[in-house]
Amino acid sequence: MKVTPEIIQDEFIGLEVKVAKCTNRDCEGVKGKVIDETRNTFILTHEGIKRRVIKETSIFHFKYPDGTVVEIDGKLLVGRPEERIKKIIRRRW
């Protein structure tokens, strides 16, 4: 899988995710599958328990089906999923 800036426009529901860093220490290190997404949060299943993680204050490691692991800052993911897909990505380099 080729990792490009357009990856923030992907669908994250169904992917395995790990919260690498978070200002809330209870959420740090949580692993699970994304089962739902709202404007400001991801809802994960962690050991059979649903956990809600705030996007803006977290850094996520998403694991794609081909084994690729991508680190994404949650600040880039804030917004409704249907609006984020339409967002125009400006390259800064």
PDB file of N, CA and C in Angstrom:
ATOM      1  N   MET A   1       0.845  -1.185   0.000  1.00  0.00           N
ATOM      2  CA  MET A   1       0.000   0.000   0.000  1.00  0.00           C
ATOM      3  C   MET A   1       0.881   1.236   0.000  1.00  0.00           C
ATOM      4  N   LYS A   2       0.564   2.167  -0.868  1.00  0.00           N
ATOM      5  CA  LYS A   2       1.314   3.399  -0.943  1.00  0.00           C
ATOM      6  C   LYS A   2       0.707   4.408   0.033  1.00  0.00           C
ATOM      7  N   VAL A   3       1.531   4.933   0.914  1.00  0.00           N
ATOM      8  CA  VAL A   3       1.066   5.883   1.919  1.00  0.00           C
ATOM      9  C   VAL A   3       1.232   7.293   1.363  1.00  0.00           C
ATOM     10  N   THR A   4       0.105   8.004   1.220  1.00  0.00           N
ATOM     11  CA  THR A   4       0.106   9.360   0.696  1.00  0.00           C
ATOM     12  C   THR A   4      -0.721  10.249   1.624  1.00  0.00           C
ATOM     13  N   PRO A   5      -0.647  11.564   1.462  1.00  0.00           N
ATOM     14  CA  PRO A   5      -1.460  12.451   2.304  1.00  0.00           C
ATOM     15  C   PRO A   5      -2.960  12.221   2.159  1.00  0.00           C
ATOM     16  N   GLU A   6      -3.390  11.634   1.056  1.00  0.00           N
ATOM     17  CA  GLU A   6      -4.809  11.375   0.843  1.00  0.00           C
ATOM     18  C   GLU A   6      -5.342  10.270   1.748  1.00  0.00           C
ATOM     19  N   ILE A   7      -4.468   9.661   2.540  1.00  0.00           N
ATOM     20  CA  ILE A   7      -4.891   8.566   3.409  1.00  0.00           C
ATOM     21  C   ILE A   7      -5.880   9.039   4.467  1.00  0.00           C
ATOM     22  N   ILE A   8      -5.884  10.327   4.787  1.00  0.00           N
ATOM     23  CA  ILE A   8      -6.844  10.817   5.787  1.00  0.00           C
ATOM     24  C   ILE A   8      -8.260  10.870   5.227  1.00  0.00           C
ATOM     25  N   GLN A   9      -8.407  10.658   3.934  1.00  0.00           N
ATOM     26  CA  GLN A   9      -9.731  10.612   3.331  1.00  0.00           C
ATOM     27  C   GLN A   9     -10.292   9.190   3.312  1.00  0.00           C
ATOM     28  N   ASP A  10      -9.535   8.223   3.796  1.00  0.00           N
ATOM     29  CA  ASP A  10      -9.976   6.830   3.788  1.00  0.00           C
ATOM     30  C   ASP A  10     -11.089   6.582   4.799  1.00  0.00           C
ATOM     31  N   GLU A  11     -11.721   5.439   4.649  1.00  0.00           N
ATOM     32  CA  GLU A  11     -12.725   4.968   5.600  1.00  0.00           C
ATOM     33  C   GLU A  11     -11.994   4.178   6.675  1.00  0.00           C
ATOM     34  N   PHE A  12     -12.213   4.518   7.939  1.00  0.00           N
ATOM     35  CA  PHE A  12     -11.497   3.871   9.031  1.00  0.00           C
ATOM     36  C   PHE A  12     -12.332   2.820   9.755  1.00  0.00           C
ATOM     37  N   ILE A  13     -13.629   2.781   9.515  1.00  0.00           N
ATOM     38  CA  ILE A  13     -14.476   1.798  10.185  1.00  0.00           C
ATOM     39  C   ILE A  13     -14.076   0.402   9.707  1.00  0.00           C
ATOM     40  N   GLY A  14     -13.824  -0.481  10.652  1.00  0.00           N
ATOM     41  CA  GLY A  14     -13.420  -1.844  10.349  1.00  0.00           C
ATOM     42  C   GLY A  14     -11.927  -2.079  10.455  1.00  0.00           C
ATOM     43  N   LEU A  15     -11.132  -1.022  10.599  1.00  0.00           N
ATOM     44  CA  LEU A  15      -9.688  -1.186  10.709  1.00  0.00           C
ATOM     45  C   LEU A  15      -9.273  -1.409  12.154  1.00  0.00           C
ATOM     46  N   GLU A  16      -8.158  -2.118  12.314  1.00  0.00           N
ATOM     47  CA  GLU A  16      -7.544  -2.266  13.632  1.00  0.00           C
ATOM     48  C   GLU A  16      -6.797  -0.967  13.939  1.00  0.00           C
ATOM     49  N   VAL A  17      -6.883  -0.523  15.198  1.00  0.00           N
ATOM     50  CA  VAL A  17      -6.256   0.735  15.578  1.00  0.00           C
ATOM     51  C   VAL A  17      -5.664   0.607  16.976  1.00  0.00           C
ATOM     52  N   LYS A  18      -4.593   1.359  17.184  1.00  0.00           N
ATOM     53  CA  LYS A  18      -3.987   1.474  18.509  1.00  0.00           C
ATOM     54  C   LYS A  18      -3.822   2.959  18.801  1.00  0.00           C
ATOM     55  N   VAL A  19      -4.188   3.372  20.001  1.00  0.00           N
ATOM     56  CA  VAL A  19      -4.007   4.759  20.411  1.00  0.00           C
ATOM     57  C   VAL A  19      -2.577   4.866  20.931  1.00  0.00           C
ATOM     58  N   ALA A  20      -1.704   5.510  20.148  1.00  0.00           N
ATOM     59  CA  ALA A  20      -0.292   5.606  20.502  1.00  0.00           C
ATOM     60  C   ALA A  20      -0.065   6.632  21.605  1.00  0.00           C
ATOM     61  N   LYS A  21      -0.675   7.789  21.466  1.00  0.00           N
ATOM     62  CA  LYS A  21      -0.552   8.850  22.460  1.00  0.00           C
ATOM     63  C   LYS A  21      -1.903   9.514  22.633  1.00  0.00           C
ATOM     64  N   CYS A  22      -2.168   9.952  23.852  1.00  0.00           N
ATOM     65  CA  CYS A  22      -3.423  10.643  24.130  1.00  0.00           C
ATOM     66  C   CYS A  22      -3.244  11.459  25.396  1.00  0.00           C
ATOM     67  N   THR A  23      -3.889  12.606  25.464  1.00  0.00           N
ATOM     68  CA  THR A  23      -3.814  13.405  26.682  1.00  0.00           C
ATOM     69  C   THR A  23      -4.550  12.726  27.824  1.00  0.00           C
ATOM     70  N   ASN A  24      -5.519  11.884  27.518  1.00  0.00           N
ATOM     71  CA  ASN A  24      -6.218  11.086  28.515  1.00  0.00           C
ATOM     72  C   ASN A  24      -5.452   9.774  28.686  1.00  0.00           C
ATOM     73  N   ARG A  25      -4.775   9.606  29.808  1.00  0.00           N
ATOM     74  CA  ARG A  25      -3.928   8.426  30.038  1.00  0.00           C
ATOM     75  C   ARG A  25      -4.713   7.122  30.037  1.00  0.00           C
ATOM     76  N   ASP A  26      -6.018   7.162  30.314  1.00  0.00           N
ATOM     77  CA  ASP A  26      -6.832   5.948  30.282  1.00  0.00           C
ATOM     78  C   ASP A  26      -6.979   5.395  28.867  1.00  0.00           C
ATOM     79  N   CYS A  27      -6.910   6.263  27.871  1.00  0.00           N
ATOM     80  CA  CYS A  27      -7.087   5.826  26.479  1.00  0.00           C
ATOM     81  C   CYS A  27      -5.766   5.417  25.830  1.00  0.00           C
ATOM     82  N   GLU A  28      -4.663   5.838  26.378  1.00  0.00           N
ATOM     83  CA  GLU A  28      -3.370   5.546  25.774  1.00  0.00           C
ATOM     84  C   GLU A  28      -3.099   4.047  25.799  1.00  0.00           C
ATOM     85  N   GLY A  29      -2.733   3.500  24.647  1.00  0.00           N
ATOM     86  CA  GLY A  29      -2.435   2.083  24.541  1.00  0.00           C
ATOM     87  C   GLY A  29      -3.634   1.206  24.216  1.00  0.00           C
ATOM     88  N   VAL A  30      -4.812   1.792  24.095  1.00  0.00           N
ATOM     89  CA  VAL A  30      -6.015   1.015  23.778  1.00  0.00           C
ATOM     90  C   VAL A  30      -5.912   0.505  22.346  1.00  0.00           C
ATOM     91  N   LYS A  31      -6.149  -0.799  22.164  1.00  0.00           N
ATOM     92  CA  LYS A  31      -6.165  -1.413  20.831  1.00  0.00           C
ATOM     93  C   LYS A  31      -7.557  -1.943  20.580  1.00  0.00           C
ATOM     94  N   GLY A  32      -7.955  -1.961  19.337  1.00  0.00           N
ATOM     95  CA  GLY A  32      -9.242  -2.530  19.000  1.00  0.00           C
ATOM     96  C   GLY A  32      -9.607  -2.266  17.565  1.00  0.00           C
ATOM     97  N   LYS A  33     -10.843  -2.552  17.245  1.00  0.00           N
ATOM     98  CA  LYS A  33     -11.371  -2.353  15.900  1.00  0.00           C
ATOM     99  C   LYS A  33     -12.316  -1.165  15.934  1.00  0.00           C
ATOM    100  N   VAL A  34     -12.214  -0.287  14.930  1.00  0.00           N
ATOM    101  CA  VAL A  34     -13.102   0.866  14.839  1.00  0.00           C
ATOM    102  C   VAL A  34     -14.475   0.365  14.411  1.00  0.00           C
ATOM    103  N   ILE A  35     -15.488   0.617  15.249  1.00  0.00           N
ATOM    104  CA  ILE A  35     -16.836   0.162  14.891  1.00  0.00           C
ATOM    105  C   ILE A  35     -17.741   1.320  14.515  1.00  0.00           C
ATOM    106  N   ASP A  36     -17.363   2.550  14.895  1.00  0.00           N
ATOM    107  CA  ASP A  36     -18.164   3.722  14.529  1.00  0.00           C
ATOM    108  C   ASP A  36     -17.294   4.956  14.624  1.00  0.00           C
ATOM    109  N   GLU A  37     -17.723   6.005  13.930  1.00  0.00           N
ATOM    110  CA  GLU A  37     -16.982   7.257  13.915  1.00  0.00           C
ATOM    111  C   GLU A  37     -17.975   8.401  13.953  1.00  0.00           C
ATOM    112  N   THR A  38     -17.705   9.370  14.821  1.00  0.00           N
ATOM    113  CA  THR A  38     -18.501  10.589  14.869  1.00  0.00           C
ATOM    114  C   THR A  38     -17.588  11.749  14.502  1.00  0.00           C
ATOM    115  N   ARG A  39     -18.104  12.949  14.627  1.00  0.00           N
ATOM    116  CA  ARG A  39     -17.327  14.130  14.257  1.00  0.00           C
ATOM    117  C   ARG A  39     -16.039  14.242  15.071  1.00  0.00           C
ATOM    118  N   ASN A  40     -16.103  13.969  16.358  1.00  0.00           N
ATOM    119  CA  ASN A  40     -14.960  14.174  17.238  1.00  0.00           C
ATOM    120  C   ASN A  40     -14.390  12.907  17.863  1.00  0.00           C
ATOM    121  N   THR A  41     -15.017  11.751  17.632  1.00  0.00           N
ATOM    122  CA  THR A  41     -14.559  10.544  18.315  1.00  0.00           C
ATOM    123  C   THR A  41     -14.549   9.322  17.406  1.00  0.00           C
ATOM    124  N   PHE A  42     -13.757   8.331  17.821  1.00  0.00           N
ATOM    125  CA  PHE A  42     -13.826   6.982  17.282  1.00  0.00           C
ATOM    126  C   PHE A  42     -14.404   6.113  18.374  1.00  0.00           C
ATOM    127  N   ILE A  43     -15.235   5.153  18.008  1.00  0.00           N
ATOM    128  CA  ILE A  43     -15.738   4.181  18.962  1.00  0.00           C
ATOM    129  C   ILE A  43     -15.081   2.853  18.603  1.00  0.00           C
ATOM    130  N   LEU A  44     -14.331   2.290  19.568  1.00  0.00           N
ATOM    131  CA  LEU A  44     -13.567   1.072  19.365  1.00  0.00           C
ATOM    132  C   LEU A  44     -14.120  -0.047  20.228  1.00  0.00           C
ATOM    133  N   THR A  45     -13.901  -1.281  19.804  1.00  0.00           N
ATOM    134  CA  THR A  45     -14.152  -2.406  20.699  1.00  0.00           C
ATOM    135  C   THR A  45     -12.800  -2.841  21.231  1.00  0.00           C
ATOM    136  N   HIS A  46     -12.664  -2.812  22.550  1.00  0.00           N
ATOM    137  CA  HIS A  46     -11.420  -3.174  23.215  1.00  0.00           C
ATOM    138  C   HIS A  46     -11.732  -4.243  24.242  1.00  0.00           C
ATOM    139  N   GLU A  47     -11.298  -5.476  23.974  1.00  0.00           N
ATOM    140  CA  GLU A  47     -11.547  -6.618  24.853  1.00  0.00           C
ATOM    141  C   GLU A  47     -13.035  -6.801  25.141  1.00  0.00           C
ATOM    142  N   GLY A  48     -13.858  -6.634  24.115  1.00  0.00           N
ATOM    143  CA  GLY A  48     -15.303  -6.803  24.240  1.00  0.00           C
ATOM    144  C   GLY A  48     -16.027  -5.603  24.810  1.00  0.00           C
ATOM    145  N   ILE A  49     -15.306  -4.543  25.109  1.00  0.00           N
ATOM    146  CA  ILE A  49     -15.893  -3.331  25.689  1.00  0.00           C
ATOM    147  C   ILE A  49     -15.788  -2.207  24.663  1.00  0.00           C
ATOM    148  N   LYS A  50     -16.852  -1.430  24.530  1.00  0.00           N
ATOM    149  CA  LYS A  50     -16.814  -0.273  23.632  1.00  0.00           C
ATOM    150  C   LYS A  50     -16.104   0.879  24.338  1.00  0.00           C
ATOM    151  N   ARG A  51     -15.136   1.468  23.639  1.00  0.00           N
ATOM    152  CA  ARG A  51     -14.391   2.609  24.173  1.00  0.00           C
ATOM    153  C   ARG A  51     -14.528   3.770  23.203  1.00  0.00           C
ATOM    154  N   ARG A  52     -14.745   4.957  23.722  1.00  0.00           N
ATOM    155  CA  ARG A  52     -14.838   6.168  22.913  1.00  0.00           C
ATOM    156  C   ARG A  52     -13.545   6.954  23.101  1.00  0.00           C
ATOM    157  N   VAL A  53     -12.866   7.253  21.974  1.00  0.00           N
ATOM    158  CA  VAL A  53     -11.588   7.952  22.011  1.00  0.00           C
ATOM    159  C   VAL A  53     -11.727   9.253  21.235  1.00  0.00           C
ATOM    160  N   ILE A  54     -11.314  10.345  21.856  1.00  0.00           N
ATOM    161  CA  ILE A  54     -11.387  11.660  21.217  1.00  0.00           C
ATOM    162  C   ILE A  54     -10.290  11.773  20.160  1.00  0.00           C
ATOM    163  N   LYS A  55     -10.658  12.205  18.972  1.00  0.00           N
ATOM    164  CA  LYS A  55      -9.711  12.289  17.860  1.00  0.00           C
ATOM    165  C   LYS A  55      -8.661  13.379  18.076  1.00  0.00           C
ATOM    166  N   GLU A  56      -9.091  14.563  18.466  1.00  0.00           N
ATOM    167  CA  GLU A  56      -8.221  15.741  18.477  1.00  0.00           C
ATOM    168  C   GLU A  56      -7.029  15.615  19.419  1.00  0.00           C
ATOM    169  N   THR A  57      -7.177  14.877  20.489  1.00  0.00           N
ATOM    170  CA  THR A  57      -6.115  14.787  21.484  1.00  0.00           C
ATOM    171  C   THR A  57      -5.324  13.487  21.392  1.00  0.00           C
ATOM    172  N   SER A  58      -5.457  12.761  20.292  1.00  0.00           N
ATOM    173  CA  SER A  58      -4.832  11.437  20.181  1.00  0.00           C
ATOM    174  C   SER A  58      -3.999  11.309  18.915  1.00  0.00           C
ATOM    175  N   ILE A  59      -3.072  10.370  18.969  1.00  0.00           N
ATOM    176  CA  ILE A  59      -2.316   9.949  17.793  1.00  0.00           C
ATOM    177  C   ILE A  59      -2.588   8.459  17.623  1.00  0.00           C
ATOM    178  N   PHE A  60      -2.987   8.072  16.420  1.00  0.00           N
ATOM    179  CA  PHE A  60      -3.436   6.714  16.158  1.00  0.00           C
ATOM    180  C   PHE A  60      -2.469   5.960  15.256  1.00  0.00           C
ATOM    181  N   HIS A  61      -2.376   4.642  15.471  1.00  0.00           N
ATOM    182  CA  HIS A  61      -1.677   3.741  14.564  1.00  0.00           C
ATOM    183  C   HIS A  61      -2.745   2.839  13.952  1.00  0.00           C
ATOM    184  N   PHE A  62      -3.033   3.045  12.667  1.00  0.00           N
ATOM    185  CA  PHE A  62      -4.022   2.240  11.953  1.00  0.00           C
ATOM    186  C   PHE A  62      -3.307   1.110  11.222  1.00  0.00           C
ATOM    187  N   LYS A  63      -3.852  -0.106  11.339  1.00  0.00           N
ATOM    188  CA  LYS A  63      -3.296  -1.266  10.646  1.00  0.00           C
ATOM    189  C   LYS A  63      -4.240  -1.653   9.522  1.00  0.00           C
ATOM    190  N   TYR A  64      -3.738  -1.587   8.300  1.00  0.00           N
ATOM    191  CA  TYR A  64      -4.526  -1.924   7.123  1.00  0.00           C
ATOM    192  C   TYR A  64      -4.470  -3.430   6.866  1.00  0.00           C
ATOM    193  N   PRO A  65      -5.413  -3.969   6.084  1.00  0.00           N
ATOM    194  CA  PRO A  65      -5.473  -5.423   5.840  1.00  0.00           C
ATOM    195  C   PRO A  65      -4.195  -6.009   5.248  1.00  0.00           C
ATOM    196  N   ASP A  66      -3.413  -5.214   4.521  1.00  0.00           N
ATOM    197  CA  ASP A  66      -2.177  -5.740   3.941  1.00  0.00           C
ATOM    198  C   ASP A  66      -1.008  -5.703   4.927  1.00  0.00           C
ATOM    199  N   GLY A  67      -1.259  -5.266   6.161  1.00  0.00           N
ATOM    200  CA  GLY A  67      -0.217  -5.248   7.190  1.00  0.00           C
ATOM    201  C   GLY A  67       0.450  -3.910   7.389  1.00  0.00           C
ATOM    202  N   THR A  68       0.162  -2.936   6.544  1.00  0.00           N
ATOM    203  CA  THR A  68       0.745  -1.615   6.661  1.00  0.00           C
ATOM    204  C   THR A  68       0.210  -0.914   7.906  1.00  0.00           C
ATOM    205  N   VAL A  69       1.110  -0.334   8.691  1.00  0.00           N
ATOM    206  CA  VAL A  69       0.715   0.437   9.865  1.00  0.00           C
ATOM    207  C   VAL A  69       1.039   1.898   9.592  1.00  0.00           C
ATOM    208  N   VAL A  70       0.034   2.760   9.772  1.00  0.00           N
ATOM    209  CA  VAL A  70       0.179   4.182   9.479  1.00  0.00           C
ATOM    210  C   VAL A  70      -0.141   4.983  10.738  1.00  0.00           C
ATOM    211  N   GLU A  71       0.738   5.912  11.079  1.00  0.00           N
ATOM    212  CA  GLU A  71       0.501   6.796  12.218  1.00  0.00           C
ATOM    213  C   GLU A  71      -0.148   8.079  11.710  1.00  0.00           C
ATOM    214  N   ILE A  72      -1.289   8.436  12.307  1.00  0.00           N
ATOM    215  CA  ILE A  72      -2.018   9.631  11.897  1.00  0.00           C
ATOM    216  C   ILE A  72      -2.372  10.434  13.134  1.00  0.00           C
ATOM    217  N   ASP A  73      -2.101  11.731  13.080  1.00  0.00           N
ATOM    218  CA  ASP A  73      -2.499  12.631  14.152  1.00  0.00           C
ATOM    219  C   ASP A  73      -4.003  12.834  14.064  1.00  0.00           C
ATOM    220  N   GLY A  74      -4.689  12.675  15.172  1.00  0.00           N
ATOM    221  CA  GLY A  74      -6.136  12.788  15.205  1.00  0.00           C
ATOM    222  C   GLY A  74      -6.660  14.158  14.814  1.00  0.00           C
ATOM    223  N   LYS A  75      -5.836  15.202  14.942  1.00  0.00           N
ATOM    224  CA  LYS A  75      -6.267  16.552  14.559  1.00  0.00           C
ATOM    225  C   LYS A  75      -6.632  16.615  13.080  1.00  0.00           C
ATOM    226  N   LEU A  76      -5.984  15.776  12.280  1.00  0.00           N
ATOM    227  CA  LEU A  76      -6.280  15.745  10.840  1.00  0.00           C
ATOM    228  C   LEU A  76      -7.585  15.030  10.541  1.00  0.00           C
ATOM    229  N   LEU A  77      -8.081  14.247  11.487  1.00  0.00           N
ATOM    230  CA  LEU A  77      -9.263  13.423  11.260  1.00  0.00           C
ATOM    231  C   LEU A  77     -10.540  14.032  11.816  1.00  0.00           C
ATOM    232  N   VAL A  78     -10.434  15.173  12.507  1.00  0.00           N
ATOM    233  CA  VAL A  78     -11.623  15.785  13.105  1.00  0.00           C
ATOM    234  C   VAL A  78     -12.569  16.218  12.002  1.00  0.00           C
ATOM    235  N   GLY A  79     -13.817  15.867  12.150  1.00  0.00           N
ATOM    236  CA  GLY A  79     -14.846  16.198  11.173  1.00  0.00           C
ATOM    237  C   GLY A  79     -15.686  14.980  10.875  1.00  0.00           C
ATOM    238  N   ARG A  80     -16.850  15.222  10.349  1.00  0.00           N
ATOM    239  CA  ARG A  80     -17.728  14.107   9.986  1.00  0.00           C
ATOM    240  C   ARG A  80     -17.072  13.287   8.879  1.00  0.00           C
ATOM    241  N   PRO A  81     -17.207  11.977   8.953  1.00  0.00           N
ATOM    242  CA  PRO A  81     -16.553  11.129   7.952  1.00  0.00           C
ATOM    243  C   PRO A  81     -16.958  11.476   6.524  1.00  0.00           C
ATOM    244  N   GLU A  82     -18.247  11.762   6.321  1.00  0.00           N
ATOM    245  CA  GLU A  82     -18.699  12.063   4.961  1.00  0.00           C
ATOM    246  C   GLU A  82     -18.154  13.386   4.446  1.00  0.00           C
ATOM    247  N   GLU A  83     -17.835  14.326   5.343  1.00  0.00           N
ATOM    248  CA  GLU A  83     -17.248  15.602   4.932  1.00  0.00           C
ATOM    249  C   GLU A  83     -15.732  15.473   4.758  1.00  0.00           C
ATOM    250  N   ARG A  84     -15.103  14.637   5.582  1.00  0.00           N
ATOM    251  CA  ARG A  84     -13.660  14.465   5.498  1.00  0.00           C
ATOM    252  C   ARG A  84     -13.262  13.839   4.159  1.00  0.00           C
ATOM    253  N   ILE A  85     -14.102  12.964   3.637  1.00  0.00           N
ATOM    254  CA  ILE A  85     -13.805  12.317   2.362  1.00  0.00           C
ATOM    255  C   ILE A  85     -13.779  13.336   1.225  1.00  0.00           C
ATOM    256  N   LYS A  86     -14.603  14.377   1.328  1.00  0.00           N
ATOM    257  CA  LYS A  86     -14.690  15.400   0.283  1.00  0.00           C
ATOM    258  C   LYS A  86     -13.633  16.489   0.422  1.00  0.00           C
ATOM    259  N   LYS A  87     -12.958  16.556   1.582  1.00  0.00           N
ATOM    260  CA  LYS A  87     -12.016  17.626   1.875  1.00  0.00           C
ATOM    261  C   LYS A  87     -10.850  17.630   0.889  1.00  0.00           C
ATOM    262  N   ILE A  88     -10.457  18.801   0.447  1.00  0.00           N
ATOM    263  CA  ILE A  88      -9.321  18.939  -0.454  1.00  0.00           C
ATOM    264  C   ILE A  88      -8.048  18.974   0.385  1.00  0.00           C
ATOM    265  N   ILE A  89      -7.082  18.174   0.009  1.00  0.00           N
ATOM    266  CA  ILE A  89      -5.819  18.071   0.731  1.00  0.00           C
ATOM    267  C   ILE A  89      -4.791  18.950   0.031  1.00  0.00           C
ATOM    268  N   ARG A  90      -4.225  19.889   0.784  1.00  0.00           N
ATOM    269  CA  ARG A  90      -3.148  20.720   0.246  1.00  0.00           C
ATOM    270  C   ARG A  90      -1.822  20.184   0.748  1.00  0.00           C
ATOM    271  N   ARG A  91      -0.921  19.937  -0.137  1.00  0.00           N
ATOM    272  CA  ARG A  91       0.410  19.470   0.270  1.00  0.00           C
ATOM    273  C   ARG A  91       1.208  20.644   0.809  1.00  0.00           C
ATOM    274  N   ARG A  92       1.939  20.402   1.866  1.00  0.00           N
ATOM    275  CA  ARG A  92       2.719  21.468   2.497  1.00  0.00           C
ATOM    276  C   ARG A  92       4.207  21.279   2.279  1.00  0.00           C
ATOM    277  N   TRP A  93       4.599  20.443   1.318  1.00  0.00           N
ATOM    278  CA  TRP A  93       6.004  20.277   1.027  1.00  0.00           C
ATOM    279  C   TRP A  93       6.250  20.280  -0.440  1.00  0.00           C
TER     280      TRP A  93
END
